[in-house]
């Protein structure tokens, strides 16, 4: 998963804005075949408590909840691309839709509970255009398997 601290982000589907947020996070969520409900719980807790926003002294010491920020979640199976062999990425680690969709939907539900409902999302499996203004820039990679 990739988290970007943003001053704004939006997603368009078929040329029309589907969702947008102001100051907060853009979360690019890739779901692997081995991901479980436990990963969803760990990840949503980590996101809601991640201190990547500046306090009064300019130190990254505040969470998205402490700043009142929003979160835009976009599903992105290409995060699991493997490029070791050849030049065409392989996506064999990405979960199939019958596994990924329920985990994605549960991720959104649990995150909304922890972020006071200030969560917007793209559409799973849709072709989307994502725009953002990365603030910092701050970009964080999180791996639920290694818990980092």
Protein backbone atom coordinates (compact mmCIF):
# COMPACT_ATOMS: atom_id res chain seq x y z
CA UNK A 1 0.00 0.00 0.00
CA UNK A 2 1.08 3.56 -0.69
CA UNK A 3 0.02 6.56 1.38
CA UNK A 4 0.58 10.09 0.16
CA UNK A 5 0.00 13.16 2.29
CA UNK A 6 -1.99 15.55 0.11
CA UNK A 7 -3.41 19.03 0.10
CA UNK A 8 -6.02 17.66 -2.29
CA UNK A 9 -6.78 14.58 -4.38
CA UNK A 10 -9.53 13.43 -6.72
CA UNK A 11 -10.53 10.53 -8.90
CA UNK A 12 -12.38 10.73 -12.21
CA UNK A 13 -14.23 7.88 -13.90
CA UNK A 14 -15.23 8.26 -17.54
CA UNK A 15 -14.17 11.90 -17.42
CA UNK A 16 -16.41 12.82 -14.48
CA UNK A 17 -15.24 13.51 -10.95
CA UNK A 18 -16.29 10.62 -8.76
CA UNK A 19 -14.70 11.61 -5.44
CA UNK A 20 -12.37 14.21 -4.00
CA UNK A 21 -10.76 15.22 -0.73
CA UNK A 22 -8.96 18.25 0.61
CA UNK A 23 -6.09 18.09 3.07
CA UNK A 24 -5.43 14.50 4.14
CA UNK A 25 -4.26 11.27 2.53
CA UNK A 26 -4.45 9.46 -0.77
CA UNK A 27 -4.29 5.71 -0.13
CA UNK A 28 -3.42 3.43 -3.05
CA UNK A 29 -4.53 0.00 -1.91
CA UNK A 30 -3.32 -3.21 -3.53
CA UNK A 31 -4.71 -6.48 -2.23
CA UNK A 32 -2.64 -9.66 -2.48
CA UNK A 33 -3.86 -13.25 -2.66
CA UNK A 34 -2.61 -13.88 0.90
CA UNK A 35 -4.28 -10.84 2.48
CA UNK A 36 -6.80 -11.49 5.24
CA UNK A 37 -9.28 -9.75 7.50
CA UNK A 38 -6.46 -9.45 10.05
CA UNK A 39 -4.46 -7.40 7.54
CA UNK A 40 -7.46 -5.08 7.06
CA UNK A 41 -7.77 -4.50 10.80
CA UNK A 42 -4.03 -3.88 11.27
CA UNK A 43 -3.84 -1.59 8.24
CA UNK A 44 -6.85 0.58 9.06
CA UNK A 45 -5.57 1.06 12.60
CA UNK A 46 -2.10 1.96 11.29
CA UNK A 47 -3.50 4.51 8.81
CA UNK A 48 -5.73 6.21 11.38
CA UNK A 49 -2.83 6.58 13.83
CA UNK A 50 0.00 7.35 11.39
CA UNK A 51 1.60 10.64 12.42
CA UNK A 52 2.54 12.27 9.11
CA UNK A 53 1.00 15.73 9.57
CA UNK A 54 2.87 18.71 10.92
CA UNK A 55 2.27 20.15 14.38
CA UNK A 56 2.76 23.83 15.29
CA UNK A 57 6.56 23.36 15.25
CA UNK A 58 6.52 21.86 11.73
CA UNK A 59 7.26 18.34 13.01
CA UNK A 60 5.32 15.36 11.61
CA UNK A 61 3.60 14.56 14.87
CA UNK A 62 -0.15 14.51 14.13
CA UNK A 63 -2.51 11.86 12.73
CA UNK A 64 -5.21 12.42 10.12
CA UNK A 65 -7.79 12.31 12.92
CA UNK A 66 -5.98 15.03 14.87
CA UNK A 67 -5.95 17.31 11.82
CA UNK A 68 -9.51 16.56 10.71
CA UNK A 69 -8.20 15.48 7.31
CA UNK A 70 -9.91 13.30 4.74
CA UNK A 71 -8.82 10.09 3.01
CA UNK A 72 -9.29 9.09 -0.62
CA UNK A 73 -8.85 5.33 -1.19
CA UNK A 74 -8.12 3.98 -4.67
CA UNK A 75 -7.79 0.27 -5.41
CA UNK A 76 -4.64 -0.46 -7.40
CA UNK A 77 -3.71 -4.06 -8.19
CA UNK A 78 -0.66 -2.86 -10.14
CA UNK A 79 1.10 -2.22 -6.81
CA UNK A 80 1.85 -5.95 -6.84
CA UNK A 81 3.56 -5.91 -10.23
CA UNK A 82 6.66 -8.04 -10.52
CA UNK A 83 9.20 -7.01 -13.13
CA UNK A 84 12.05 -9.44 -12.41
CA UNK A 85 11.52 -11.49 -15.56
CA UNK A 86 11.19 -9.69 -18.89
CA UNK A 87 9.70 -6.28 -19.49
CA UNK A 88 6.02 -7.04 -19.07
CA UNK A 89 4.86 -6.79 -15.45
CA UNK A 90 3.32 -9.87 -13.86
CA UNK A 91 0.40 -9.49 -11.49
CA UNK A 92 0.22 -13.06 -10.17
CA UNK A 93 0.38 -11.88 -6.53
CA UNK A 94 -2.67 -9.63 -6.88
CA UNK A 95 -5.81 -11.14 -5.41
CA UNK A 96 -8.59 -12.11 -7.83
CA UNK A 97 -11.77 -10.00 -7.63
CA UNK A 98 -13.74 -12.60 -5.66
CA UNK A 99 -11.12 -12.28 -2.88
CA UNK A 100 -10.17 -8.64 -3.29
CA UNK A 101 -13.61 -6.99 -3.48
CA UNK A 102 -14.87 -8.15 -0.06
CA UNK A 103 -11.54 -7.16 1.55
CA UNK A 104 -11.61 -3.77 -0.21
CA UNK A 105 -15.18 -3.08 0.91
CA UNK A 106 -14.41 -4.12 4.47
CA UNK A 107 -11.26 -1.96 4.42
CA UNK A 108 -13.40 1.07 3.48
CA UNK A 109 -15.97 0.28 6.19
CA UNK A 110 -13.38 -0.16 8.95
CA UNK A 111 -11.43 2.92 7.87
CA UNK A 112 -14.60 5.04 7.87
CA UNK A 113 -15.26 3.90 11.44
CA UNK A 114 -11.79 5.03 12.53
CA UNK A 115 -11.70 8.28 10.52
CA UNK A 116 -15.15 9.51 11.53
CA UNK A 117 -16.57 8.80 8.05
CA UNK A 118 -14.27 11.19 6.21
CA UNK A 119 -13.30 8.52 3.66
CA UNK A 120 -14.01 8.71 -0.07
CA UNK A 121 -13.11 6.10 -2.65
CA UNK A 122 -12.76 5.24 -6.27
CA UNK A 123 -14.55 2.24 -7.78
CA UNK A 124 -12.94 -1.18 -7.55
CA UNK A 125 -11.85 -2.39 -10.99
CA UNK A 126 -12.77 0.83 -12.80
CA UNK A 127 -10.37 2.72 -15.05
CA UNK A 128 -9.70 5.85 -13.04
CA UNK A 129 -7.79 9.08 -13.43
CA UNK A 130 -6.24 10.08 -10.11
CA UNK A 131 -5.03 13.61 -9.44
CA UNK A 132 -3.22 14.78 -6.35
CA UNK A 133 -1.06 17.47 -4.88
CA UNK A 134 1.48 15.66 -2.71
CA UNK A 135 2.23 17.74 0.38
CA UNK A 136 5.88 17.63 1.38
CA UNK A 137 6.28 15.42 -0.62
CA UNK A 138 5.37 12.71 1.87
CA UNK A 139 4.94 9.18 0.49
CA UNK A 140 4.86 6.11 2.75
CA UNK A 141 4.95 2.44 1.72
CA UNK A 142 3.30 -0.04 4.08
CA UNK A 143 3.59 -3.83 3.82
CA UNK A 144 1.09 -5.75 5.97
CA UNK A 145 3.08 -8.97 5.69
CA UNK A 146 6.22 -7.42 7.16
CA UNK A 147 4.21 -5.06 9.40
CA UNK A 148 6.17 -2.05 8.18
